[in-house]
Amino acid sequence: MQFSRLASPRAGDERGITTAEYAVGTAAGAGLAGVLYKLVTGGFGDQMLRSLFDHVFNMLGLG
């Protein structure tokens, strides 16, 4: 039995899908960066960073 490639000329052609995946990944990365920026620059971020550094310094015996 022989299959014709003319029946589905674009079968296996995923160039557009790859471009779409990059676009979705870029948008997701930008959104995550925005959320992290808001967390770190807000009051919660300051408190979180202070407690993180205090914890690390206490573990090292410097605090």
C-alpha atoms as a PDB file:
ATOM      1  CA  MET A   1       0.000   0.000   0.000  1.00  0.00           C
ATOM      2  CA  GLN A   2       1.439   3.382  -0.958  1.00  0.00           C
ATOM      3  CA  PHE A   3       0.669   6.658   0.799  1.00  0.00           C
ATOM      4  CA  SER A   4       0.674   9.880  -1.122  1.00  0.00           C
ATOM      5  CA  ARG A   5       2.342  12.979   0.355  1.00  0.00           C
ATOM      6  CA  LEU A   6       0.009  15.125  -1.737  1.00  0.00           C
ATOM      7  CA  ALA A   7      -2.934  14.277   0.500  1.00  0.00           C
ATOM      8  CA  SER A   8      -1.434  16.251   3.393  1.00  0.00           C
ATOM      9  CA  PRO A   9       1.326  18.549   2.195  1.00  0.00           C
ATOM     10  CA  ARG A  10       1.785  20.265   5.587  1.00  0.00           C
ATOM     11  CA  ALA A  11       1.865  17.121   7.706  1.00  0.00           C
ATOM     12  CA  GLY A  12       4.886  17.298  10.002  1.00  0.00           C
ATOM     13  CA  ASP A  13       5.580  20.966   9.242  1.00  0.00           C
ATOM     14  CA  GLU A  14       5.779  22.554  12.712  1.00  0.00           C
ATOM     15  CA  ARG A  15       7.647  25.786  12.033  1.00  0.00           C
ATOM     16  CA  GLY A  16       4.698  27.921  13.148  1.00  0.00           C
ATOM     17  CA  ILE A  17       4.216  25.915  16.311  1.00  0.00           C
ATOM     18  CA  THR A  18       7.805  26.493  17.363  1.00  0.00           C
ATOM     19  CA  THR A  19       7.413  30.229  16.871  1.00  0.00           C
ATOM     20  CA  ALA A  20       4.195  30.198  18.891  1.00  0.00           C
ATOM     21  CA  GLU A  21       5.911  28.280  21.709  1.00  0.00           C
ATOM     22  CA  TYR A  22       8.649  30.906  21.869  1.00  0.00           C
ATOM     23  CA  ALA A  23       6.039  33.673  21.987  1.00  0.00           C
ATOM     24  CA  VAL A  24       4.129  31.988  24.823  1.00  0.00           C
ATOM     25  CA  GLY A  25       7.357  31.306  26.722  1.00  0.00           C
ATOM     26  CA  THR A  26       8.475  34.914  26.337  1.00  0.00           C
ATOM     27  CA  ALA A  27       5.114  36.242  27.519  1.00  0.00           C
ATOM     28  CA  ALA A  28       5.115  33.880  30.508  1.00  0.00           C
ATOM     29  CA  GLY A  29       8.659  34.892  31.421  1.00  0.00           C
ATOM     30  CA  ALA A  30       7.805  38.586  31.227  1.00  0.00           C
ATOM     31  CA  GLY A  31       4.709  38.055  33.386  1.00  0.00           C
ATOM     32  CA  LEU A  32       6.683  36.122  36.002  1.00  0.00           C
ATOM     33  CA  ALA A  33       9.381  38.810  36.037  1.00  0.00           C
ATOM     34  CA  GLY A  34       6.707  41.453  36.638  1.00  0.00           C
ATOM     35  CA  VAL A  35       5.194  39.529  39.541  1.00  0.00           C
ATOM     36  CA  LEU A  36       8.616  38.930  41.124  1.00  0.00           C
ATOM     37  CA  TYR A  37       9.516  42.606  40.705  1.00  0.00           C
ATOM     38  CA  LYS A  38       6.340  43.687  42.499  1.00  0.00           C
ATOM     39  CA  LEU A  39       6.979  41.189  45.316  1.00  0.00           C
ATOM     40  CA  VAL A  40      10.595  42.216  45.838  1.00  0.00           C
ATOM     41  CA  THR A  41      10.042  45.972  45.620  1.00  0.00           C
ATOM     42  CA  GLY A  42       7.037  45.938  47.930  1.00  0.00           C
ATOM     43  CA  GLY A  43       7.026  45.691  51.710  1.00  0.00           C
ATOM     44  CA  PHE A  44       6.730  41.931  51.579  1.00  0.00           C
ATOM     45  CA  GLY A  45       9.915  41.679  49.530  1.00  0.00           C
ATOM     46  CA  ASP A  46      11.918  43.792  51.957  1.00  0.00           C
ATOM     47  CA  GLN A  47      10.796  41.682  54.897  1.00  0.00           C
ATOM     48  CA  MET A  48      11.457  38.448  53.019  1.00  0.00           C
ATOM     49  CA  LEU A  49      14.975  39.479  51.976  1.00  0.00           C
ATOM     50  CA  ARG A  50      15.826  40.677  55.487  1.00  0.00           C
ATOM     51  CA  SER A  51      14.688  37.433  57.069  1.00  0.00           C
ATOM     52  CA  LEU A  52      16.540  35.410  54.411  1.00  0.00           C
ATOM     53  CA  PHE A  53      19.812  37.271  55.002  1.00  0.00           C
ATOM     54  CA  ASP A  54      19.379  37.113  58.787  1.00  0.00           C
ATOM     55  CA  HIS A  55      18.848  33.362  58.554  1.00  0.00           C
ATOM     56  CA  VAL A  56      21.910  32.835  56.346  1.00  0.00           C
ATOM     57  CA  PHE A  57      24.109  35.041  58.540  1.00  0.00           C
ATOM     58  CA  ASN A  58      22.937  33.172  61.653  1.00  0.00           C
ATOM     59  CA  MET A  59      23.776  29.848  60.013  1.00  0.00           C
ATOM     60  CA  LEU A  60      27.260  31.153  59.184  1.00  0.00           C
ATOM     61  CA  GLY A  61      27.698  32.477  62.715  1.00  0.00           C
ATOM     62  CA  LEU A  62      27.964  36.084  61.562  1.00  0.00           C
ATOM     63  CA  GLY A  63      24.745  37.432  62.986  1.00  0.00           C
END
